Amino acid sequence: SFYKRMDELVVVNPSFIPKLGAYGIPAWKVTYIPNFVSKKEFHPESKEKILAKKRELGLDPDKFTIIGVGQIQDRKGVPDFIKLARMFPNIQFIWVGGFSFGKITDGYEQLKKVVDNPPANLIFPGIVDRDQMGLYYNLVDLFLLPSYNELFPMSILEAFSCGIPVMVRELKLYHSIISGYYEPADDVDDMARKIKELANDPEKLADLKQKAQKASAFYSEDRLADIWYQYYRDHAKR
């Protein structure tokens, strides 16, 4: 009922447009304009900064490293992230995020045990200040989001903006927003197979990095600012 009272609606994922239509909201009222992140905050960092942060966190600068970002809960696929860390003891894993909902978090009891006593190759730095997040993305070779349910995750755009290769659990909603820019995986076994491939194939990893850079340009602040500017100009003429 709230949406129906609006003259115009803007969605960050075009897959929402038919869903709104099912509630009787005509498509001509809805405009798709995606999210974006600022290059001032998320960008490639210097080798010196990266090396210093790896030393601070106790990471081996020569080992393949994977990062996951988000609340620590089952919906985000954190149990699969933990499973993968145990499957690849020679790869370093970082999960940035915390228990935002405390003890009512889905899967809290089991996840808390692992966070308190993680495998040697997995670290949980907790909730990181936003001005430090860009550096964390720069520490890794691969961004992995094993989440089961998303809308338009900002963490993917942040990784793209830092030029980091991206792998995600294949979800239909990604098809209309980031298709062609990421490595899809159906389940944890598929993730394991593809992690092994990427860790041992520099050319394939480099290709995925190029895709991330293309995605970063497509979802750049300047490009999206132009789209918003034109949107407001068009509506001001009515």
C-alpha atoms as a PDB file:
ATOM      1  CA  SER A   1       0.000   0.000   0.000  1.00  0.00           C
ATOM      2  CA  PHE A   2       2.955   2.310   0.682  1.00  0.00           C
ATOM      3  CA  TYR A   3       4.444   1.669  -2.765  1.00  0.00           C
ATOM      4  CA  LYS A   4       1.085   2.279  -4.443  1.00  0.00           C
ATOM      5  CA  ARG A   5       0.951   5.782  -2.953  1.00  0.00           C
ATOM      6  CA  MET A   6       4.140   6.759  -4.784  1.00  0.00           C
ATOM      7  CA  ASP A   7       4.187   8.629  -8.097  1.00  0.00           C
ATOM      8  CA  GLU A   8       7.456   6.928  -9.053  1.00  0.00           C
ATOM      9  CA  LEU A   9       9.496   4.004  -7.785  1.00  0.00           C
ATOM     10  CA  VAL A  10      13.204   3.324  -8.298  1.00  0.00           C
ATOM     11  CA  VAL A  11      14.507  -0.230  -7.841  1.00  0.00           C
ATOM     12  CA  VAL A  12      18.116  -1.417  -7.662  1.00  0.00           C
ATOM     13  CA  ASN A  13      17.341  -4.710  -9.386  1.00  0.00           C
ATOM     14  CA  PRO A  14      15.064  -5.027 -12.453  1.00  0.00           C
ATOM     15  CA  SER A  15      13.868  -8.418 -11.218  1.00  0.00           C
ATOM     16  CA  PHE A  16      11.720  -6.503  -8.719  1.00  0.00           C
ATOM     17  CA  ILE A  17       9.649  -4.818 -11.447  1.00  0.00           C
ATOM     18  CA  PRO A  18       7.391  -7.828 -12.250  1.00  0.00           C
ATOM     19  CA  LYS A  19       7.087  -8.541  -8.525  1.00  0.00           C
ATOM     20  CA  LEU A  20       5.757  -5.026  -7.998  1.00  0.00           C
ATOM     21  CA  GLY A  21       3.506  -5.573 -10.999  1.00  0.00           C
ATOM     22  CA  ALA A  22       1.975  -8.548  -9.219  1.00  0.00           C
ATOM     23  CA  TYR A  23       0.782  -6.086  -6.557  1.00  0.00           C
ATOM     24  CA  GLY A  24      -0.910  -3.926  -9.174  1.00  0.00           C
ATOM     25  CA  ILE A  25       1.855  -1.354  -9.651  1.00  0.00           C
ATOM     26  CA  PRO A  26       2.256  -0.583 -13.380  1.00  0.00           C
ATOM     27  CA  ALA A  27       5.722  -1.026 -14.889  1.00  0.00           C
ATOM     28  CA  TRP A  28       5.765   2.540 -16.264  1.00  0.00           C
ATOM     29  CA  LYS A  29       5.938   3.817 -12.683  1.00  0.00           C
ATOM     30  CA  VAL A  30       9.104   1.847 -11.950  1.00  0.00           C
ATOM     31  CA  THR A  31      12.659   2.720 -13.010  1.00  0.00           C
ATOM     32  CA  TYR A  32      15.724   0.549 -12.585  1.00  0.00           C
ATOM     33  CA  ILE A  33      18.838   2.401 -11.387  1.00  0.00           C
ATOM     34  CA  PRO A  34      21.489   0.192  -9.767  1.00  0.00           C
ATOM     35  CA  ASN A  35      23.619   0.827  -6.716  1.00  0.00           C
ATOM     36  CA  PHE A  36      27.194   2.059  -6.946  1.00  0.00           C
ATOM     37  CA  VAL A  37      30.201   2.580  -4.682  1.00  0.00           C
ATOM     38  CA  SER A  38      32.703   5.414  -4.555  1.00  0.00           C
ATOM     39  CA  LYS A  39      36.210   4.936  -5.950  1.00  0.00           C
ATOM     40  CA  LYS A  40      37.398   7.280  -3.216  1.00  0.00           C
ATOM     41  CA  GLU A  41      36.652   4.554  -0.676  1.00  0.00           C
ATOM     42  CA  PHE A  42      37.072   1.382  -2.732  1.00  0.00           C
ATOM     43  CA  HIS A  43      40.053   1.223  -5.064  1.00  0.00           C
ATOM     44  CA  PRO A  44      43.287  -0.743  -5.563  1.00  0.00           C
ATOM     45  CA  GLU A  45      45.798  -0.071  -2.771  1.00  0.00           C
ATOM     46  CA  SER A  46      49.594   0.126  -2.839  1.00  0.00           C
ATOM     47  CA  LYS A  47      51.696  -2.993  -2.330  1.00  0.00           C
ATOM     48  CA  GLU A  48      53.220  -1.394   0.773  1.00  0.00           C
ATOM     49  CA  LYS A  49      49.834  -0.903   2.448  1.00  0.00           C
ATOM     50  CA  ILE A  50      48.731  -4.406   1.534  1.00  0.00           C
ATOM     51  CA  LEU A  51      51.898  -6.023   2.864  1.00  0.00           C
ATOM     52  CA  ALA A  52      51.739  -4.054   6.112  1.00  0.00           C
ATOM     53  CA  LYS A  53      48.102  -5.082   6.718  1.00  0.00           C
ATOM     54  CA  LYS A  54      48.859  -8.730   5.948  1.00  0.00           C
ATOM     55  CA  ARG A  55      51.652  -8.666   8.524  1.00  0.00           C
ATOM     56  CA  GLU A  56      49.293  -7.074  11.048  1.00  0.00           C
ATOM     57  CA  LEU A  57      46.731  -9.845  10.525  1.00  0.00           C
ATOM     58  CA  GLY A  58      49.329 -12.607  10.471  1.00  0.00           C
ATOM     59  CA  LEU A  59      48.669 -13.524   6.832  1.00  0.00           C
ATOM     60  CA  ASP A  60      51.276 -15.154   4.621  1.00  0.00           C
ATOM     61  CA  PRO A  61      51.781 -12.723   1.692  1.00  0.00           C
ATOM     62  CA  ASP A  62      52.587 -15.619  -0.655  1.00  0.00           C
ATOM     63  CA  LYS A  63      49.474 -17.722   0.000  1.00  0.00           C
ATOM     64  CA  PHE A  64      46.246 -17.590  -2.010  1.00  0.00           C
ATOM     65  CA  THR A  65      43.673 -15.675   0.053  1.00  0.00           C
ATOM     66  CA  ILE A  66      39.864 -15.512  -0.077  1.00  0.00           C
ATOM     67  CA  ILE A  67      37.523 -13.022   1.594  1.00  0.00           C
ATOM     68  CA  GLY A  68      33.834 -13.161   2.461  1.00  0.00           C
ATOM     69  CA  VAL A  69      31.874 -10.175   3.750  1.00  0.00           C
ATOM     70  CA  GLY A  70      28.579  -9.868   5.609  1.00  0.00           C
ATOM     71  CA  GLN A  71      26.756 -10.745   8.789  1.00  0.00           C
ATOM     72  CA  ILE A  72      27.814 -14.035  10.312  1.00  0.00           C
ATOM     73  CA  GLN A  73      24.699 -16.134   9.824  1.00  0.00           C
ATOM     74  CA  ASP A  74      23.473 -19.205   7.942  1.00  0.00           C
ATOM     75  CA  ARG A  75      21.683 -17.151   5.259  1.00  0.00           C
ATOM     76  CA  LYS A  76      24.995 -15.643   4.178  1.00  0.00           C
ATOM     77  CA  GLY A  77      26.417 -19.112   3.604  1.00  0.00           C
ATOM     78  CA  VAL A  78      29.025 -18.763   6.356  1.00  0.00           C
ATOM     79  CA  PRO A  79      28.874 -22.507   7.209  1.00  0.00           C
ATOM     80  CA  ASP A  80      29.939 -23.267   3.615  1.00  0.00           C
ATOM     81  CA  PHE A  81      32.710 -20.674   3.866  1.00  0.00           C
ATOM     82  CA  ILE A  82      33.970 -22.454   6.988  1.00  0.00           C
ATOM     83  CA  LYS A  83      33.705 -25.824   5.254  1.00  0.00           C
ATOM     84  CA  LEU A  84      35.794 -24.550   2.350  1.00  0.00           C
ATOM     85  CA  ALA A  85      38.453 -23.259   4.748  1.00  0.00           C
ATOM     86  CA  ARG A  86      38.710 -26.736   6.226  1.00  0.00           C
ATOM     87  CA  MET A  87      38.910 -28.276   2.748  1.00  0.00           C
ATOM     88  CA  PHE A  88      41.806 -26.007   1.732  1.00  0.00           C
ATOM     89  CA  PRO A  89      44.239 -25.716   4.671  1.00  0.00           C
ATOM     90  CA  ASN A  90      46.869 -24.151   2.380  1.00  0.00           C
ATOM     91  CA  ILE A  91      44.560 -21.272   1.396  1.00  0.00           C
ATOM     92  CA  GLN A  92      43.902 -18.330   3.727  1.00  0.00           C
ATOM     93  CA  PHE A  93      40.274 -17.325   4.420  1.00  0.00           C
ATOM     94  CA  ILE A  94      38.948 -14.087   5.931  1.00  0.00           C
ATOM     95  CA  TRP A  95      35.332 -13.401   6.868  1.00  0.00           C
ATOM     96  CA  VAL A  96      34.638  -9.758   7.691  1.00  0.00           C
ATOM     97  CA  GLY A  97      31.448  -9.159   9.666  1.00  0.00           C
ATOM     98  CA  GLY A  98      29.842  -9.932  12.979  1.00  0.00           C
ATOM     99  CA  PHE A  99      26.729 -11.147  14.764  1.00  0.00           C
ATOM    100  CA  SER A 100      24.627  -8.059  14.137  1.00  0.00           C
ATOM    101  CA  PHE A 101      21.550  -9.691  15.690  1.00  0.00           C
ATOM    102  CA  GLY A 102      23.382 -11.268  18.618  1.00  0.00           C
ATOM    103  CA  LYS A 103      22.050 -14.560  19.939  1.00  0.00           C
ATOM    104  CA  ILE A 104      18.924 -14.468  17.775  1.00  0.00           C
ATOM    105  CA  THR A 105      21.136 -14.797  14.671  1.00  0.00           C
ATOM    106  CA  ASP A 106      20.267 -17.807  12.528  1.00  0.00           C
ATOM    107  CA  GLY A 107      22.780 -20.551  13.379  1.00  0.00           C
ATOM    108  CA  TYR A 108      24.333 -18.507  16.213  1.00  0.00           C
ATOM    109  CA  GLU A 109      25.345 -21.336  18.559  1.00  0.00           C
ATOM    110  CA  GLN A 110      27.306 -23.358  16.003  1.00  0.00           C
ATOM    111  CA  LEU A 111      28.812 -20.342  14.257  1.00  0.00           C
ATOM    112  CA  LYS A 112      29.925 -18.735  17.534  1.00  0.00           C
ATOM    113  CA  LYS A 113      31.901 -21.877  18.392  1.00  0.00           C
ATOM    114  CA  VAL A 114      33.834 -21.599  15.130  1.00  0.00           C
ATOM    115  CA  VAL A 115      34.377 -17.847  15.435  1.00  0.00           C
ATOM    116  CA  ASP A 116      35.820 -18.381  18.922  1.00  0.00           C
ATOM    117  CA  ASN A 117      37.997 -21.289  17.783  1.00  0.00           C
ATOM    118  CA  PRO A 118      38.486 -21.097  13.996  1.00  0.00           C
ATOM    119  CA  PRO A 119      40.698 -23.292  11.814  1.00  0.00           C
ATOM    120  CA  ALA A 120      44.293 -22.029  11.620  1.00  0.00           C
ATOM    121  CA  ASN A 121      43.765 -20.702   8.077  1.00  0.00           C
ATOM    122  CA  LEU A 122      40.538 -18.785   8.831  1.00  0.00           C
ATOM    123  CA  ILE A 123      40.313 -15.426  10.580  1.00  0.00           C
ATOM    124  CA  PHE A 124      37.301 -13.437  11.753  1.00  0.00           C
ATOM    125  CA  PRO A 125      38.359  -9.784  12.239  1.00  0.00           C
ATOM    126  CA  GLY A 126      34.789  -8.847  13.176  1.00  0.00           C
ATOM    127  CA  ILE A 127      32.983  -5.713  12.047  1.00  0.00           C
ATOM    128  CA  VAL A 128      35.485  -3.459  10.271  1.00  0.00           C
ATOM    129  CA  ASP A 129      35.184   0.318   9.966  1.00  0.00           C
ATOM    130  CA  ARG A 130      34.062   1.341   6.489  1.00  0.00           C
ATOM    131  CA  ASP A 131      37.195   3.394   5.877  1.00  0.00           C
ATOM    132  CA  GLN A 132      39.225   0.200   6.312  1.00  0.00           C
ATOM    133  CA  MET A 133      37.092  -2.125   4.199  1.00  0.00           C
ATOM    134  CA  GLY A 134      38.732  -1.184   0.908  1.00  0.00           C
ATOM    135  CA  LEU A 135      42.088  -2.312   2.255  1.00  0.00           C
ATOM    136  CA  TYR A 136      40.655  -5.662   3.351  1.00  0.00           C
ATOM    137  CA  TYR A 137      39.427  -6.371  -0.184  1.00  0.00           C
ATOM    138  CA  ASN A 138      42.911  -5.584  -1.482  1.00  0.00           C
ATOM    139  CA  LEU A 139      44.458  -8.286   0.708  1.00  0.00           C
ATOM    140  CA  VAL A 140      42.916 -11.138  -1.249  1.00  0.00           C
ATOM    141  CA  ASP A 141      43.006 -12.980  -4.543  1.00  0.00           C
ATOM    142  CA  LEU A 142      39.295 -13.818  -4.609  1.00  0.00           C
ATOM    143  CA  PHE A 143      36.055 -12.467  -3.153  1.00  0.00           C
ATOM    144  CA  LEU A 144      33.536 -15.212  -2.353  1.00  0.00           C
ATOM    145  CA  LEU A 145      29.905 -14.640  -1.417  1.00  0.00           C
ATOM    146  CA  PRO A 146      28.187 -17.987  -0.732  1.00  0.00           C
ATOM    147  CA  SER A 147      24.948 -16.274   0.311  1.00  0.00           C
ATOM    148  CA  TYR A 148      21.612 -17.983  -0.339  1.00  0.00           C
ATOM    149  CA  ASN A 149      19.530 -14.802  -0.519  1.00  0.00           C
ATOM    150  CA  GLU A 150      20.453 -11.284  -1.666  1.00  0.00           C
ATOM    151  CA  LEU A 151      18.961  -8.169  -3.273  1.00  0.00           C
ATOM    152  CA  PHE A 152      21.904  -6.222  -4.694  1.00  0.00           C
ATOM    153  CA  PRO A 153      24.816  -6.834  -2.306  1.00  0.00           C
ATOM    154  CA  MET A 154      27.073  -3.805  -1.955  1.00  0.00           C
ATOM    155  CA  SER A 155      29.983  -6.058  -1.022  1.00  0.00           C
ATOM    156  CA  ILE A 156      30.105  -7.371  -4.611  1.00  0.00           C
ATOM    157  CA  LEU A 157      30.312  -3.830  -5.997  1.00  0.00           C
ATOM    158  CA  GLU A 158      32.965  -2.969  -3.420  1.00  0.00           C
ATOM    159  CA  ALA A 159      35.068  -5.949  -4.517  1.00  0.00           C
ATOM    160  CA  PHE A 160      34.601  -4.987  -8.183  1.00  0.00           C
ATOM    161  CA  SER A 161      35.674  -1.429  -7.407  1.00  0.00           C
ATOM    162  CA  CYS A 162      38.894  -2.739  -5.852  1.00  0.00           C
ATOM    163  CA  GLY A 163      39.526  -4.912  -8.925  1.00  0.00           C
ATOM    164  CA  ILE A 164      39.063  -8.186  -7.028  1.00  0.00           C
ATOM    165  CA  PRO A 165      37.825 -11.321  -8.870  1.00  0.00           C
ATOM    166  CA  VAL A 166      34.358 -12.351  -7.666  1.00  0.00           C
ATOM    167  CA  MET A 167      32.742 -15.747  -7.128  1.00  0.00           C
ATOM    168  CA  VAL A 168      29.160 -16.085  -5.882  1.00  0.00           C
ATOM    169  CA  ARG A 169      26.620 -18.785  -5.282  1.00  0.00           C
ATOM    170  CA  GLU A 170      24.551 -18.716  -8.455  1.00  0.00           C
ATOM    171  CA  LEU A 171      21.288 -16.859  -7.793  1.00  0.00           C
ATOM    172  CA  LYS A 172      18.791 -15.840 -10.481  1.00  0.00           C
ATOM    173  CA  LEU A 173      18.652 -12.249  -9.262  1.00  0.00           C
ATOM    174  CA  TYR A 174      22.319 -11.776 -10.242  1.00  0.00           C
ATOM    175  CA  HIS A 175      21.537 -12.507 -13.892  1.00  0.00           C
ATOM    176  CA  SER A 176      19.963  -9.122 -14.557  1.00  0.00           C
ATOM    177  CA  ILE A 177      22.564  -7.027 -12.740  1.00  0.00           C
ATOM    178  CA  ILE A 178      26.055  -8.561 -12.869  1.00  0.00           C
ATOM    179  CA  SER A 179      25.848 -11.322 -15.478  1.00  0.00           C
ATOM    180  CA  GLY A 180      29.211 -11.923 -17.153  1.00  0.00           C
ATOM    181  CA  TYR A 181      31.253 -10.254 -14.427  1.00  0.00           C
ATOM    182  CA  TYR A 182      31.534 -13.074 -11.875  1.00  0.00           C
ATOM    183  CA  GLU A 183      32.298 -16.772 -11.499  1.00  0.00           C
ATOM    184  CA  PRO A 184      29.099 -18.658 -10.587  1.00  0.00           C
ATOM    185  CA  ALA A 185      29.024 -21.740  -8.368  1.00  0.00           C
ATOM    186  CA  ASP A 186      26.025 -23.975  -7.733  1.00  0.00           C
ATOM    187  CA  ASP A 187      26.981 -25.309  -4.308  1.00  0.00           C
ATOM    188  CA  VAL A 188      29.904 -25.786  -1.927  1.00  0.00           C
ATOM    189  CA  ASP A 189      31.388 -28.638  -3.992  1.00  0.00           C
ATOM    190  CA  ASP A 190      31.276 -26.483  -7.122  1.00  0.00           C
ATOM    191  CA  MET A 191      32.904 -23.647  -5.176  1.00  0.00           C
ATOM    192  CA  ALA A 192      35.670 -25.997  -4.042  1.00  0.00           C
ATOM    193  CA  ARG A 193      36.336 -27.173  -7.589  1.00  0.00           C
ATOM    194  CA  LYS A 194      36.487 -23.641  -8.942  1.00  0.00           C
ATOM    195  CA  ILE A 195      38.629 -22.339  -6.091  1.00  0.00           C
ATOM    196  CA  LYS A 196      41.138 -25.064  -6.877  1.00  0.00           C
ATOM    197  CA  GLU A 197      41.099 -24.069 -10.552  1.00  0.00           C
ATOM    198  CA  LEU A 198      41.552 -20.365  -9.875  1.00  0.00           C
ATOM    199  CA  ALA A 199      44.286 -20.895  -7.294  1.00  0.00           C
ATOM    200  CA  ASN A 200      46.269 -22.910  -9.830  1.00  0.00           C
ATOM    201  CA  ASP A 201      45.475 -21.011 -13.019  1.00  0.00           C
ATOM    202  CA  PRO A 202      46.839 -17.418 -13.010  1.00  0.00           C
ATOM    203  CA  GLU A 203      45.412 -16.750 -16.488  1.00  0.00           C
ATOM    204  CA  LYS A 204      41.888 -17.679 -15.484  1.00  0.00           C
ATOM    205  CA  LEU A 205      42.179 -15.582 -12.326  1.00  0.00           C
ATOM    206  CA  ALA A 206      43.501 -12.646 -14.382  1.00  0.00           C
ATOM    207  CA  ASP A 207      40.521 -12.966 -16.747  1.00  0.00           C
ATOM    208  CA  LEU A 208      38.139 -12.820 -13.800  1.00  0.00           C
ATOM    209  CA  LYS A 209      40.005  -9.765 -12.522  1.00  0.00           C
ATOM    210  CA  GLN A 210      39.479  -8.041 -15.881  1.00  0.00           C
ATOM    211  CA  LYS A 211      35.761  -8.780 -15.617  1.00  0.00           C
ATOM    212  CA  ALA A 212      35.741  -7.157 -12.172  1.00  0.00           C
ATOM    213  CA  GLN A 213      37.386  -4.049 -13.612  1.00  0.00           C
ATOM    214  CA  LYS A 214      34.775  -3.870 -16.386  1.00  0.00           C
ATOM    215  CA  ALA A 215      32.004  -4.206 -13.804  1.00  0.00           C
ATOM    216  CA  SER A 216      33.602  -1.431 -11.758  1.00  0.00           C
ATOM    217  CA  ALA A 217      33.484   0.897 -14.771  1.00  0.00           C
ATOM    218  CA  PHE A 218      29.850  -0.023 -15.509  1.00  0.00           C
ATOM    219  CA  TYR A 219      28.783   0.610 -11.909  1.00  0.00           C
ATOM    220  CA  SER A 220      30.991   3.660 -11.418  1.00  0.00           C
ATOM    221  CA  GLU A 221      29.844   6.676  -9.443  1.00  0.00           C
ATOM    222  CA  ASP A 222      30.248   8.990 -12.443  1.00  0.00           C
ATOM    223  CA  ARG A 223      28.155   6.822 -14.764  1.00  0.00           C
ATOM    224  CA  LEU A 224      25.360   6.347 -12.230  1.00  0.00           C
ATOM    225  CA  ALA A 225      25.400  10.040 -11.314  1.00  0.00           C
ATOM    226  CA  ASP A 226      24.716  10.833 -14.980  1.00  0.00           C
ATOM    227  CA  ILE A 227      21.824   8.380 -15.002  1.00  0.00           C
ATOM    228  CA  TRP A 228      20.303   9.954 -11.855  1.00  0.00           C
ATOM    229  CA  TYR A 229      20.812  13.435 -13.282  1.00  0.00           C
ATOM    230  CA  GLN A 230      18.956  12.502 -16.458  1.00  0.00           C
ATOM    231  CA  TYR A 231      16.209  10.819 -14.413  1.00  0.00           C
ATOM    232  CA  TYR A 232      15.566  14.026 -12.444  1.00  0.00           C
ATOM    233  CA  ARG A 233      15.754  16.193 -15.586  1.00  0.00           C
ATOM    234  CA  ASP A 234      13.196  14.013 -17.349  1.00  0.00           C
ATOM    235  CA  HIS A 235      10.777  14.194 -14.426  1.00  0.00           C
ATOM    236  CA  ALA A 236      11.256  17.926 -13.968  1.00  0.00           C
ATOM    237  CA  LYS A 237       9.935  18.457 -17.520  1.00  0.00           C
ATOM    238  CA  ARG A 238       6.640  16.725 -16.788  1.00  0.00           C
END
